[in-house]
């Protein structure tokens, strides 16, 4: 049990960002463990997948190319991974915490009796000492995630069962190319060997997909509002500021739950993770759930009437005052001094 396997999410021949982020982290973990990083691609017309993933340091790419595997359906993809994992015996398996990963991960881990940690925010390699059993386990995967509503950060380990499985949300890990000229090898899987014909009982006849019009992840400037905005009317100030600065509007969970903003703009542990060049937090107290989704922003400006708000501790600049007073002045000043 010495390899790390990442399940690739593929749409129209393009590997999803969450999978590339996991490959980046997987390469780091594999270097620490001195093992191989492997990836599984399941779908149809997958000839271009290798060129997309090998630069991220993938040593082996398993390709299961069959028209019946695309688009994703639960049964065949589950059987493919379960039987492949039984054969290859990976010590770590990673998936995105997407609708697919949340459907696939628990089924695979249950079939293998391995357990799974969902929505991890960090993955590290470490040692665990079981004092009751008098055992010390080396090179375990530390699966780190907020727990109890985000009030604590839990580190979860799986000493005995393999693979150690975890899902990670998109944007939590960084996506970085390891070596543009990295040369891995491709192994084509005979689908009938891993997936019984009975698993193809469901056929997707037609799909309707509507892409989000909100691009929080890709925006260099994010202006986010929290419960302290007070009302949906005050939230319009954020849209005015975003229009002037050329940014996107985000929100904390408290603001979304109170109806001030739509869910697709939510930032944090249960929303989107962003890393903009500039993050302006307006009326956001700074609970751990929200900070987990924006703490890696290059510059953070906090606007809050509470000078002791937790978010001030991670902000580069703090403006103490009400959003109704501060934001119109920011808009006016920017218009006056920008060309």
C-alpha atoms as a PDB file:
ATOM      1  CA  UNK A   1       0.000   0.000   0.000  1.00  0.00           C
ATOM      2  CA  UNK A   2       2.255   2.754  -1.190  1.00  0.00           C
ATOM      3  CA  UNK A   3       0.456   4.898  -3.744  1.00  0.00           C
ATOM      4  CA  UNK A   4      -1.937   7.857  -3.742  1.00  0.00           C
ATOM      5  CA  UNK A   5      -4.873   7.858  -6.155  1.00  0.00           C
ATOM      6  CA  UNK A   6      -6.958  10.880  -7.194  1.00  0.00           C
ATOM      7  CA  UNK A   7     -10.318  10.408  -8.916  1.00  0.00           C
ATOM      8  CA  UNK A   8     -10.609  12.859 -11.819  1.00  0.00           C
ATOM      9  CA  UNK A   9     -13.854  14.669 -12.513  1.00  0.00           C
ATOM     10  CA  UNK A  10     -14.153  15.222 -16.256  1.00  0.00           C
ATOM     11  CA  UNK A  11     -16.693  17.274 -18.185  1.00  0.00           C
ATOM     12  CA  UNK A  12     -16.527  17.519 -21.990  1.00  0.00           C
ATOM     13  CA  UNK A  13     -12.966  16.207 -21.990  1.00  0.00           C
ATOM     14  CA  UNK A  14     -11.762  18.808 -19.475  1.00  0.00           C
ATOM     15  CA  UNK A  15     -10.464  17.826 -16.042  1.00  0.00           C
ATOM     16  CA  UNK A  16     -12.178  19.827 -13.296  1.00  0.00           C
ATOM     17  CA  UNK A  17     -10.231  22.363 -11.229  1.00  0.00           C
ATOM     18  CA  UNK A  18     -10.967  20.488  -8.015  1.00  0.00           C
ATOM     19  CA  UNK A  19      -9.202  17.409  -9.413  1.00  0.00           C
ATOM     20  CA  UNK A  20      -6.168  19.440 -10.503  1.00  0.00           C
ATOM     21  CA  UNK A  21      -6.012  21.000  -7.038  1.00  0.00           C
ATOM     22  CA  UNK A  22      -6.046  17.518  -5.499  1.00  0.00           C
ATOM     23  CA  UNK A  23      -3.268  16.408  -7.852  1.00  0.00           C
ATOM     24  CA  UNK A  24      -1.174  19.365  -6.683  1.00  0.00           C
ATOM     25  CA  UNK A  25      -1.665  18.383  -3.040  1.00  0.00           C
ATOM     26  CA  UNK A  26      -1.313  14.705  -3.884  1.00  0.00           C
ATOM     27  CA  UNK A  27       2.091  15.314  -5.476  1.00  0.00           C
ATOM     28  CA  UNK A  28       3.276  17.007  -2.267  1.00  0.00           C
ATOM     29  CA  UNK A  29       1.987  14.129  -0.128  1.00  0.00           C
ATOM     30  CA  UNK A  30       3.508  11.536  -2.467  1.00  0.00           C
ATOM     31  CA  UNK A  31       6.914  13.229  -2.249  1.00  0.00           C
ATOM     32  CA  UNK A  32       6.705  13.117   1.543  1.00  0.00           C
ATOM     33  CA  UNK A  33       5.736   9.445   1.517  1.00  0.00           C
ATOM     34  CA  UNK A  34       8.188   8.614  -1.293  1.00  0.00           C
ATOM     35  CA  UNK A  35       5.444   6.920  -3.274  1.00  0.00           C
ATOM     36  CA  UNK A  36       3.687   7.344  -6.611  1.00  0.00           C
ATOM     37  CA  UNK A  37       0.873   9.734  -7.450  1.00  0.00           C
ATOM     38  CA  UNK A  38      -1.791   8.111  -9.610  1.00  0.00           C
ATOM     39  CA  UNK A  39      -5.050   9.274 -11.151  1.00  0.00           C
ATOM     40  CA  UNK A  40      -8.186   7.598 -12.484  1.00  0.00           C
ATOM     41  CA  UNK A  41     -10.050   8.934 -15.520  1.00  0.00           C
ATOM     42  CA  UNK A  42     -13.399   7.320 -16.309  1.00  0.00           C
ATOM     43  CA  UNK A  43     -15.562   8.463 -19.199  1.00  0.00           C
ATOM     44  CA  UNK A  44     -15.461   8.617 -22.989  1.00  0.00           C
ATOM     45  CA  UNK A  45     -13.044  10.158 -25.503  1.00  0.00           C
ATOM     46  CA  UNK A  46     -10.298  10.603 -22.925  1.00  0.00           C
ATOM     47  CA  UNK A  47      -7.278  10.837 -25.252  1.00  0.00           C
ATOM     48  CA  UNK A  48      -6.412  14.364 -24.082  1.00  0.00           C
ATOM     49  CA  UNK A  49      -6.531  13.715 -20.328  1.00  0.00           C
ATOM     50  CA  UNK A  50      -2.870  12.725 -19.994  1.00  0.00           C
ATOM     51  CA  UNK A  51      -1.668  16.040 -21.409  1.00  0.00           C
ATOM     52  CA  UNK A  52      -3.787  17.851 -18.816  1.00  0.00           C
ATOM     53  CA  UNK A  53      -2.705  15.909 -15.717  1.00  0.00           C
ATOM     54  CA  UNK A  54       0.893  14.773 -16.291  1.00  0.00           C
ATOM     55  CA  UNK A  55       2.278  18.321 -15.723  1.00  0.00           C
ATOM     56  CA  UNK A  56       0.876  18.045 -12.174  1.00  0.00           C
ATOM     57  CA  UNK A  57       3.242  15.172 -11.439  1.00  0.00           C
ATOM     58  CA  UNK A  58       1.018  12.149 -12.123  1.00  0.00           C
ATOM     59  CA  UNK A  59       3.160   9.010 -12.337  1.00  0.00           C
ATOM     60  CA  UNK A  60       0.386   6.699 -13.563  1.00  0.00           C
ATOM     61  CA  UNK A  61      -2.915   7.546 -15.238  1.00  0.00           C
ATOM     62  CA  UNK A  62      -5.551   4.812 -15.283  1.00  0.00           C
ATOM     63  CA  UNK A  63      -7.947   5.349 -18.181  1.00  0.00           C
ATOM     64  CA  UNK A  64     -11.348   3.642 -18.376  1.00  0.00           C
ATOM     65  CA  UNK A  65     -12.720   4.758 -21.745  1.00  0.00           C
ATOM     66  CA  UNK A  66     -16.243   3.576 -22.504  1.00  0.00           C
ATOM     67  CA  UNK A  67     -19.208   5.473 -23.912  1.00  0.00           C
ATOM     68  CA  UNK A  68     -21.365   4.029 -21.120  1.00  0.00           C
ATOM     69  CA  UNK A  69     -19.201   5.719 -18.462  1.00  0.00           C
ATOM     70  CA  UNK A  70     -20.113   9.221 -19.642  1.00  0.00           C
ATOM     71  CA  UNK A  71     -21.835  11.140 -18.250  1.00  0.00           C
ATOM     72  CA  UNK A  72     -21.255  10.046 -14.666  1.00  0.00           C
ATOM     73  CA  UNK A  73     -23.647   7.499 -13.184  1.00  0.00           C
ATOM     74  CA  UNK A  74     -23.272   5.997  -9.737  1.00  0.00           C
ATOM     75  CA  UNK A  75     -23.092   2.220 -10.185  1.00  0.00           C
ATOM     76  CA  UNK A  76     -20.400   1.771 -12.872  1.00  0.00           C
ATOM     77  CA  UNK A  77     -18.047   4.386 -11.430  1.00  0.00           C
ATOM     78  CA  UNK A  78     -18.405   2.854  -7.970  1.00  0.00           C
ATOM     79  CA  UNK A  79     -17.608  -0.644  -9.231  1.00  0.00           C
ATOM     80  CA  UNK A  80     -14.660   0.653 -11.231  1.00  0.00           C
ATOM     81  CA  UNK A  81     -13.045   2.329  -8.228  1.00  0.00           C
ATOM     82  CA  UNK A  82     -13.850  -0.426  -5.738  1.00  0.00           C
ATOM     83  CA  UNK A  83     -12.326  -3.135  -7.922  1.00  0.00           C
ATOM     84  CA  UNK A  84      -9.364  -0.991  -8.976  1.00  0.00           C
ATOM     85  CA  UNK A  85      -8.613  -0.107  -5.343  1.00  0.00           C
ATOM     86  CA  UNK A  86      -8.807  -3.778  -4.363  1.00  0.00           C
ATOM     87  CA  UNK A  87      -6.254  -4.502  -7.067  1.00  0.00           C
ATOM     88  CA  UNK A  88      -3.877  -1.565  -6.545  1.00  0.00           C
ATOM     89  CA  UNK A  89      -4.342  -1.180  -2.769  1.00  0.00           C
ATOM     90  CA  UNK A  90      -3.712   2.586  -2.498  1.00  0.00           C
ATOM     91  CA  UNK A  91      -2.953   4.008   0.924  1.00  0.00           C
ATOM     92  CA  UNK A  92      -4.697   7.308   0.162  1.00  0.00           C
ATOM     93  CA  UNK A  93      -7.628   8.100  -2.167  1.00  0.00           C
ATOM     94  CA  UNK A  94      -8.808  11.667  -2.790  1.00  0.00           C
ATOM     95  CA  UNK A  95     -11.937  13.083  -4.451  1.00  0.00           C
ATOM     96  CA  UNK A  96     -13.576  16.445  -4.834  1.00  0.00           C
ATOM     97  CA  UNK A  97     -16.373  17.305  -2.401  1.00  0.00           C
ATOM     98  CA  UNK A  98     -18.702  17.939  -5.330  1.00  0.00           C
ATOM     99  CA  UNK A  99     -22.079  16.416  -6.115  1.00  0.00           C
ATOM    100  CA  UNK A 100     -20.203  13.550  -7.806  1.00  0.00           C
ATOM    101  CA  UNK A 101     -17.627  13.104  -5.039  1.00  0.00           C
ATOM    102  CA  UNK A 102     -20.282  13.191  -2.338  1.00  0.00           C
ATOM    103  CA  UNK A 103     -22.188  10.481  -4.177  1.00  0.00           C
ATOM    104  CA  UNK A 104     -19.209   8.320  -5.127  1.00  0.00           C
ATOM    105  CA  UNK A 105     -16.899   8.625  -2.112  1.00  0.00           C
ATOM    106  CA  UNK A 106     -19.187   7.168   0.573  1.00  0.00           C
ATOM    107  CA  UNK A 107     -20.141   4.230  -1.655  1.00  0.00           C
ATOM    108  CA  UNK A 108     -16.530   3.316  -2.368  1.00  0.00           C
ATOM    109  CA  UNK A 109     -15.404   3.721   1.246  1.00  0.00           C
ATOM    110  CA  UNK A 110     -18.364   1.694   2.500  1.00  0.00           C
ATOM    111  CA  UNK A 111     -17.644  -1.152   0.074  1.00  0.00           C
ATOM    112  CA  UNK A 112     -13.993  -1.213   1.173  1.00  0.00           C
ATOM    113  CA  UNK A 113     -14.763  -0.669   4.898  1.00  0.00           C
ATOM    114  CA  UNK A 114     -12.240   2.157   4.865  1.00  0.00           C
ATOM    115  CA  UNK A 115     -14.083   5.202   6.190  1.00  0.00           C
ATOM    116  CA  UNK A 116     -14.082   8.677   4.668  1.00  0.00           C
ATOM    117  CA  UNK A 117     -13.566  12.228   5.938  1.00  0.00           C
ATOM    118  CA  UNK A 118     -15.682  14.763   4.044  1.00  0.00           C
ATOM    119  CA  UNK A 119     -14.999  18.432   3.293  1.00  0.00           C
ATOM    120  CA  UNK A 120     -11.394  18.544   4.470  1.00  0.00           C
ATOM    121  CA  UNK A 121      -9.708  21.936   4.516  1.00  0.00           C
ATOM    122  CA  UNK A 122      -6.170  20.571   4.915  1.00  0.00           C
ATOM    123  CA  UNK A 123      -4.292  17.303   4.360  1.00  0.00           C
ATOM    124  CA  UNK A 124      -0.959  16.554   6.014  1.00  0.00           C
ATOM    125  CA  UNK A 125       1.270  13.583   6.791  1.00  0.00           C
ATOM    126  CA  UNK A 126       2.005  12.840  10.453  1.00  0.00           C
ATOM    127  CA  UNK A 127       2.369  10.335  13.281  1.00  0.00           C
ATOM    128  CA  UNK A 128      -0.320   9.019  15.613  1.00  0.00           C
ATOM    129  CA  UNK A 129       0.265   7.346  18.971  1.00  0.00           C
ATOM    130  CA  UNK A 130      -2.435   5.016  20.269  1.00  0.00           C
ATOM    131  CA  UNK A 131      -1.614   5.006  23.975  1.00  0.00           C
ATOM    132  CA  UNK A 132      -4.283   2.451  24.859  1.00  0.00           C
ATOM    133  CA  UNK A 133      -2.990  -0.090  22.346  1.00  0.00           C
ATOM    134  CA  UNK A 134       0.624   0.926  22.832  1.00  0.00           C
ATOM    135  CA  UNK A 135       1.129   1.474  19.096  1.00  0.00           C
ATOM    136  CA  UNK A 136       2.723   4.262  17.090  1.00  0.00           C
ATOM    137  CA  UNK A 137       1.555   4.783  13.505  1.00  0.00           C
ATOM    138  CA  UNK A 138       3.869   6.626  11.111  1.00  0.00           C
ATOM    139  CA  UNK A 139       3.028   8.353   7.829  1.00  0.00           C
ATOM    140  CA  UNK A 140      -0.701   8.661   8.454  1.00  0.00           C
ATOM    141  CA  UNK A 141      -2.880  11.104   6.556  1.00  0.00           C
ATOM    142  CA  UNK A 142      -4.043  13.910   8.842  1.00  0.00           C
ATOM    143  CA  UNK A 143      -7.525  14.749   7.538  1.00  0.00           C
ATOM    144  CA  UNK A 144      -8.248  18.215   8.902  1.00  0.00           C
ATOM    145  CA  UNK A 145     -11.672  19.839   8.812  1.00  0.00           C
ATOM    146  CA  UNK A 146     -13.888  22.174  10.865  1.00  0.00           C
ATOM    147  CA  UNK A 147     -16.317  20.344  13.159  1.00  0.00           C
ATOM    148  CA  UNK A 148     -19.234  21.155  15.465  1.00  0.00           C
ATOM    149  CA  UNK A 149     -20.489  23.924  13.231  1.00  0.00           C
ATOM    150  CA  UNK A 150     -16.981  25.258  12.702  1.00  0.00           C
ATOM    151  CA  UNK A 151     -16.343  25.905  16.378  1.00  0.00           C
ATOM    152  CA  UNK A 152     -13.333  23.576  16.428  1.00  0.00           C
ATOM    153  CA  UNK A 153     -10.869  22.228  13.896  1.00  0.00           C
ATOM    154  CA  UNK A 154     -10.713  18.424  14.040  1.00  0.00           C
ATOM    155  CA  UNK A 155      -7.800  16.275  12.905  1.00  0.00           C
ATOM    156  CA  UNK A 156      -9.041  12.839  11.877  1.00  0.00           C
ATOM    157  CA  UNK A 157      -6.776   9.817  11.359  1.00  0.00           C
ATOM    158  CA  UNK A 158      -7.437   6.311  10.086  1.00  0.00           C
ATOM    159  CA  UNK A 159      -4.696   4.071  11.541  1.00  0.00           C
ATOM    160  CA  UNK A 160      -5.794   0.634  10.365  1.00  0.00           C
ATOM    161  CA  UNK A 161      -8.105   0.727   7.329  1.00  0.00           C
ATOM    162  CA  UNK A 162      -7.032   1.462   3.780  1.00  0.00           C
ATOM    163  CA  UNK A 163      -7.336   3.444   1.694  1.00  0.00           C
ATOM    164  CA  UNK A 164      -7.466   6.594   3.802  1.00  0.00           C
ATOM    165  CA  UNK A 165     -10.187   8.481   1.927  1.00  0.00           C
ATOM    166  CA  UNK A 166     -11.026  12.176   1.970  1.00  0.00           C
ATOM    167  CA  UNK A 167     -12.995  14.666  -0.078  1.00  0.00           C
ATOM    168  CA  UNK A 168     -11.954  18.300  -0.493  1.00  0.00           C
ATOM    169  CA  UNK A 169     -14.021  21.194  -1.805  1.00  0.00           C
ATOM    170  CA  UNK A 170     -12.983  23.142  -4.890  1.00  0.00           C
ATOM    171  CA  UNK A 171     -10.742  26.111  -4.163  1.00  0.00           C
ATOM    172  CA  UNK A 172      -9.467  24.847  -0.806  1.00  0.00           C
ATOM    173  CA  UNK A 173      -6.153  23.626  -2.255  1.00  0.00           C
ATOM    174  CA  UNK A 174      -3.897  25.526  -4.623  1.00  0.00           C
ATOM    175  CA  UNK A 175      -3.534  24.424  -8.245  1.00  0.00           C
ATOM    176  CA  UNK A 176       0.100  24.468  -9.362  1.00  0.00           C
ATOM    177  CA  UNK A 177       1.896  22.709 -12.213  1.00  0.00           C
ATOM    178  CA  UNK A 178       4.737  20.533 -10.957  1.00  0.00           C
ATOM    179  CA  UNK A 179       6.709  20.155 -14.203  1.00  0.00           C
ATOM    180  CA  UNK A 180       5.387  21.021 -17.660  1.00  0.00           C
ATOM    181  CA  UNK A 181       7.555  18.262 -19.154  1.00  0.00           C
ATOM    182  CA  UNK A 182       6.710  15.601 -16.566  1.00  0.00           C
ATOM    183  CA  UNK A 183       6.235  12.238 -18.288  1.00  0.00           C
ATOM    184  CA  UNK A 184       3.918   9.747 -16.635  1.00  0.00           C
ATOM    185  CA  UNK A 185       2.589   6.514 -18.049  1.00  0.00           C
ATOM    186  CA  UNK A 186      -0.933   5.617 -19.081  1.00  0.00           C
ATOM    187  CA  UNK A 187      -2.612   2.308 -18.251  1.00  0.00           C
ATOM    188  CA  UNK A 188      -5.804   1.543 -20.133  1.00  0.00           C
ATOM    189  CA  UNK A 189      -8.326  -0.410 -18.092  1.00  0.00           C
ATOM    190  CA  UNK A 190     -10.540  -3.086 -19.594  1.00  0.00           C
ATOM    191  CA  UNK A 191     -13.883  -1.801 -18.369  1.00  0.00           C
ATOM    192  CA  UNK A 192     -15.624  -5.191 -18.498  1.00  0.00           C
ATOM    193  CA  UNK A 193     -13.041  -6.533 -16.027  1.00  0.00           C
ATOM    194  CA  UNK A 194     -13.970  -3.975 -13.387  1.00  0.00           C
ATOM    195  CA  UNK A 195     -17.616  -3.137 -14.104  1.00  0.00           C
ATOM    196  CA  UNK A 196     -20.368  -5.768 -14.564  1.00  0.00           C
ATOM    197  CA  UNK A 197     -22.866  -5.151 -17.364  1.00  0.00           C
ATOM    198  CA  UNK A 198     -25.691  -4.993 -14.821  1.00  0.00           C
ATOM    199  CA  UNK A 199     -24.247  -1.706 -13.503  1.00  0.00           C
ATOM    200  CA  UNK A 200     -25.149  -0.008 -16.781  1.00  0.00           C
ATOM    201  CA  UNK A 201     -28.852  -0.421 -16.108  1.00  0.00           C
ATOM    202  CA  UNK A 202     -29.317   3.370 -15.949  1.00  0.00           C
ATOM    203  CA  UNK A 203     -28.858   5.431 -19.100  1.00  0.00           C
ATOM    204  CA  UNK A 204     -28.758   9.228 -19.143  1.00  0.00           C
ATOM    205  CA  UNK A 205     -30.961  10.270 -22.043  1.00  0.00           C
ATOM    206  CA  UNK A 206     -30.669  14.037 -21.795  1.00  0.00           C
ATOM    207  CA  UNK A 207     -28.914  16.601 -19.610  1.00  0.00           C
ATOM    208  CA  UNK A 208     -29.716  20.245 -18.931  1.00  0.00           C
ATOM    209  CA  UNK A 209     -26.924  22.261 -17.323  1.00  0.00           C
ATOM    210  CA  UNK A 210     -26.989  25.946 -16.496  1.00  0.00           C
ATOM    211  CA  UNK A 211     -23.691  27.521 -15.574  1.00  0.00           C
ATOM    212  CA  UNK A 212     -23.597  30.026 -12.749  1.00  0.00           C
ATOM    213  CA  UNK A 213     -23.420  33.674 -13.764  1.00  0.00           C
ATOM    214  CA  UNK A 214     -21.449  34.427 -10.606  1.00  0.00           C
ATOM    215  CA  UNK A 215     -17.676  34.084 -10.948  1.00  0.00           C
ATOM    216  CA  UNK A 216     -16.399  34.454  -7.384  1.00  0.00           C
ATOM    217  CA  UNK A 217     -13.380  32.195  -7.886  1.00  0.00           C
ATOM    218  CA  UNK A 218     -12.149  34.023 -10.971  1.00  0.00           C
ATOM    219  CA  UNK A 219     -12.643  37.587  -9.774  1.00  0.00           C
ATOM    220  CA  UNK A 220      -9.507  39.484  -8.636  1.00  0.00           C
ATOM    221  CA  UNK A 221     -11.676  41.667  -6.361  1.00  0.00           C
ATOM    222  CA  UNK A 222     -14.408  40.358  -4.047  1.00  0.00           C
ATOM    223  CA  UNK A 223     -16.641  42.585  -1.934  1.00  0.00           C
ATOM    224  CA  UNK A 224     -18.424  40.446   0.645  1.00  0.00           C
ATOM    225  CA  UNK A 225     -21.201  41.363   3.022  1.00  0.00           C
ATOM    226  CA  UNK A 226     -22.249  39.805   6.292  1.00  0.00           C
ATOM    227  CA  UNK A 227     -25.149  39.962   8.699  1.00  0.00           C
ATOM    228  CA  UNK A 228     -23.881  43.378   9.769  1.00  0.00           C
ATOM    229  CA  UNK A 229     -25.079  44.810   6.437  1.00  0.00           C
ATOM    230  CA  UNK A 230     -28.472  44.940   8.119  1.00  0.00           C
ATOM    231  CA  UNK A 231     -30.746  44.506   5.107  1.00  0.00           C
ATOM    232  CA  UNK A 232     -30.981  43.486   1.458  1.00  0.00           C
ATOM    233  CA  UNK A 233     -31.265  47.190   0.601  1.00  0.00           C
ATOM    234  CA  UNK A 234     -27.873  47.895   2.175  1.00  0.00           C
ATOM    235  CA  UNK A 235     -26.447  44.997   0.153  1.00  0.00           C
ATOM    236  CA  UNK A 236     -27.056  47.111  -2.951  1.00  0.00           C
ATOM    237  CA  UNK A 237     -24.183  49.300  -1.752  1.00  0.00           C
ATOM    238  CA  UNK A 238     -21.865  46.341  -2.307  1.00  0.00           C
ATOM    239  CA  UNK A 239     -23.053  45.955  -5.894  1.00  0.00           C
ATOM    240  CA  UNK A 240     -22.413  49.670  -6.440  1.00  0.00           C
ATOM    241  CA  UNK A 241     -18.871  49.316  -5.084  1.00  0.00           C
ATOM    242  CA  UNK A 242     -18.294  46.142  -7.128  1.00  0.00           C
ATOM    243  CA  UNK A 243     -19.417  47.920 -10.293  1.00  0.00           C
ATOM    244  CA  UNK A 244     -16.917  50.714  -9.671  1.00  0.00           C
ATOM    245  CA  UNK A 245     -13.997  48.424  -8.789  1.00  0.00           C
ATOM    246  CA  UNK A 246     -14.788  45.701 -11.329  1.00  0.00           C
ATOM    247  CA  UNK A 247     -15.329  42.991  -8.708  1.00  0.00           C
ATOM    248  CA  UNK A 248     -17.842  40.358  -7.636  1.00  0.00           C
ATOM    249  CA  UNK A 249     -20.167  40.460  -4.637  1.00  0.00           C
ATOM    250  CA  UNK A 250     -20.004  37.654  -2.063  1.00  0.00           C
ATOM    251  CA  UNK A 251     -21.705  36.986   1.243  1.00  0.00           C
ATOM    252  CA  UNK A 252     -21.293  35.191   4.543  1.00  0.00           C
ATOM    253  CA  UNK A 253     -23.605  32.350   5.482  1.00  0.00           C
ATOM    254  CA  UNK A 254     -25.404  34.548   8.013  1.00  0.00           C
ATOM    255  CA  UNK A 255     -26.244  37.049   5.276  1.00  0.00           C
ATOM    256  CA  UNK A 256     -27.453  34.292   2.949  1.00  0.00           C
ATOM    257  CA  UNK A 257     -29.552  32.627   5.653  1.00  0.00           C
ATOM    258  CA  UNK A 258     -31.204  35.931   6.487  1.00  0.00           C
ATOM    259  CA  UNK A 259     -32.223  36.436   2.851  1.00  0.00           C
ATOM    260  CA  UNK A 260     -29.950  39.375   2.055  1.00  0.00           C
ATOM    261  CA  UNK A 261     -28.146  37.533  -0.730  1.00  0.00           C
ATOM    262  CA  UNK A 262     -28.518  34.387  -2.847  1.00  0.00           C
ATOM    263  CA  UNK A 263     -26.749  31.149  -1.921  1.00  0.00           C
ATOM    264  CA  UNK A 264     -24.521  31.027  -5.028  1.00  0.00           C
ATOM    265  CA  UNK A 265     -22.614  34.021  -3.627  1.00  0.00           C
ATOM    266  CA  UNK A 266     -21.866  32.375  -0.272  1.00  0.00           C
ATOM    267  CA  UNK A 267     -18.201  32.287   0.750  1.00  0.00           C
ATOM    268  CA  UNK A 268     -16.832  30.025   3.453  1.00  0.00           C
ATOM    269  CA  UNK A 269     -16.753  26.457   4.674  1.00  0.00           C
ATOM    270  CA  UNK A 270     -20.163  25.625   3.176  1.00  0.00           C
ATOM    271  CA  UNK A 271     -19.813  27.945   0.189  1.00  0.00           C
ATOM    272  CA  UNK A 272     -17.071  28.963  -2.229  1.00  0.00           C
ATOM    273  CA  UNK A 273     -13.392  29.336  -1.371  1.00  0.00           C
ATOM    274  CA  UNK A 274     -11.800  32.419  -2.937  1.00  0.00           C
ATOM    275  CA  UNK A 275      -8.263  33.812  -3.238  1.00  0.00           C
ATOM    276  CA  UNK A 276      -8.676  37.278  -4.803  1.00  0.00           C
ATOM    277  CA  UNK A 277      -6.045  39.993  -4.931  1.00  0.00           C
ATOM    278  CA  UNK A 278      -8.384  42.185  -2.861  1.00  0.00           C
ATOM    279  CA  UNK A 279     -11.085  41.058  -0.434  1.00  0.00           C
ATOM    280  CA  UNK A 280     -13.287  43.703   1.185  1.00  0.00           C
ATOM    281  CA  UNK A 281     -15.289  42.314   4.118  1.00  0.00           C
ATOM    282  CA  UNK A 282     -18.254  44.499   4.986  1.00  0.00           C
ATOM    283  CA  UNK A 283     -20.194  43.868   8.181  1.00  0.00           C
ATOM    284  CA  UNK A 284     -18.639  40.408   8.588  1.00  0.00           C
ATOM    285  CA  UNK A 285     -17.701  39.394  12.122  1.00  0.00           C
ATOM    286  CA  UNK A 286     -15.220  36.737  10.990  1.00  0.00           C
ATOM    287  CA  UNK A 287     -16.400  33.337  12.208  1.00  0.00           C
ATOM    288  CA  UNK A 288     -14.059  30.426  11.441  1.00  0.00           C
ATOM    289  CA  UNK A 289     -16.464  29.044   8.840  1.00  0.00           C
ATOM    290  CA  UNK A 290     -16.186  32.224   6.762  1.00  0.00           C
ATOM    291  CA  UNK A 291     -12.472  32.785   7.301  1.00  0.00           C
ATOM    292  CA  UNK A 292     -11.785  29.268   5.976  1.00  0.00           C
ATOM    293  CA  UNK A 293     -13.083  30.423   2.594  1.00  0.00           C
ATOM    294  CA  UNK A 294     -11.147  33.692   2.184  1.00  0.00           C
ATOM    295  CA  UNK A 295      -8.110  33.778   4.468  1.00  0.00           C
ATOM    296  CA  UNK A 296      -5.649  33.310   1.602  1.00  0.00           C
ATOM    297  CA  UNK A 297      -6.703  36.532  -0.134  1.00  0.00           C
ATOM    298  CA  UNK A 298      -3.689  38.669  -1.054  1.00  0.00           C
ATOM    299  CA  UNK A 299      -5.088  41.759   0.713  1.00  0.00           C
ATOM    300  CA  UNK A 300      -8.012  41.958   3.121  1.00  0.00           C
ATOM    301  CA  UNK A 301      -9.861  45.141   4.079  1.00  0.00           C
ATOM    302  CA  UNK A 302     -12.389  44.860   6.902  1.00  0.00           C
ATOM    303  CA  UNK A 303     -15.188  47.383   7.336  1.00  0.00           C
ATOM    304  CA  UNK A 304     -16.952  46.868  10.655  1.00  0.00           C
ATOM    305  CA  UNK A 305     -18.577  48.959  13.357  1.00  0.00           C
ATOM    306  CA  UNK A 306     -17.055  46.612  15.963  1.00  0.00           C
ATOM    307  CA  UNK A 307     -13.347  47.418  16.454  1.00  0.00           C
ATOM    308  CA  UNK A 308     -12.867  44.020  18.125  1.00  0.00           C
ATOM    309  CA  UNK A 309     -14.449  41.897  15.393  1.00  0.00           C
ATOM    310  CA  UNK A 310     -12.462  38.637  14.878  1.00  0.00           C
ATOM    311  CA  UNK A 311     -11.967  39.370  11.182  1.00  0.00           C
ATOM    312  CA  UNK A 312      -9.840  42.382  12.098  1.00  0.00           C
ATOM    313  CA  UNK A 313      -7.133  39.983  13.304  1.00  0.00           C
ATOM    314  CA  UNK A 314      -6.474  38.722   9.761  1.00  0.00           C
ATOM    315  CA  UNK A 315      -7.199  41.972   7.904  1.00  0.00           C
ATOM    316  CA  UNK A 316      -4.411  44.042   6.360  1.00  0.00           C
ATOM    317  CA  UNK A 317      -6.466  47.213   6.807  1.00  0.00           C
ATOM    318  CA  UNK A 318      -9.339  47.856   9.218  1.00  0.00           C
ATOM    319  CA  UNK A 319     -11.926  50.581   8.771  1.00  0.00           C
ATOM    320  CA  UNK A 320     -14.080  51.092  11.858  1.00  0.00           C
ATOM    321  CA  UNK A 321     -17.463  52.502  10.944  1.00  0.00           C
ATOM    322  CA  UNK A 322     -20.872  51.640   9.521  1.00  0.00           C
ATOM    323  CA  UNK A 323     -21.104  50.321   5.970  1.00  0.00           C
ATOM    324  CA  UNK A 324     -23.743  52.945   5.176  1.00  0.00           C
ATOM    325  CA  UNK A 325     -21.172  55.643   5.928  1.00  0.00           C
ATOM    326  CA  UNK A 326     -17.949  54.063   4.654  1.00  0.00           C
ATOM    327  CA  UNK A 327     -18.910  52.455   1.328  1.00  0.00           C
ATOM    328  CA  UNK A 328     -20.427  55.583  -0.339  1.00  0.00           C
ATOM    329  CA  UNK A 329     -17.226  57.447   0.602  1.00  0.00           C
ATOM    330  CA  UNK A 330     -15.103  54.670  -0.939  1.00  0.00           C
ATOM    331  CA  UNK A 331     -17.131  54.838  -4.158  1.00  0.00           C
ATOM    332  CA  UNK A 332     -16.897  58.642  -4.268  1.00  0.00           C
ATOM    333  CA  UNK A 333     -13.156  58.657  -3.570  1.00  0.00           C
ATOM    334  CA  UNK A 334     -12.391  55.959  -6.132  1.00  0.00           C
ATOM    335  CA  UNK A 335     -14.357  57.728  -8.865  1.00  0.00           C
ATOM    336  CA  UNK A 336     -12.616  60.974  -8.059  1.00  0.00           C
ATOM    337  CA  UNK A 337      -9.079  59.561  -8.095  1.00  0.00           C
ATOM    338  CA  UNK A 338      -9.269  56.941 -10.835  1.00  0.00           C
ATOM    339  CA  UNK A 339      -8.611  57.725 -14.459  1.00  0.00           C
END
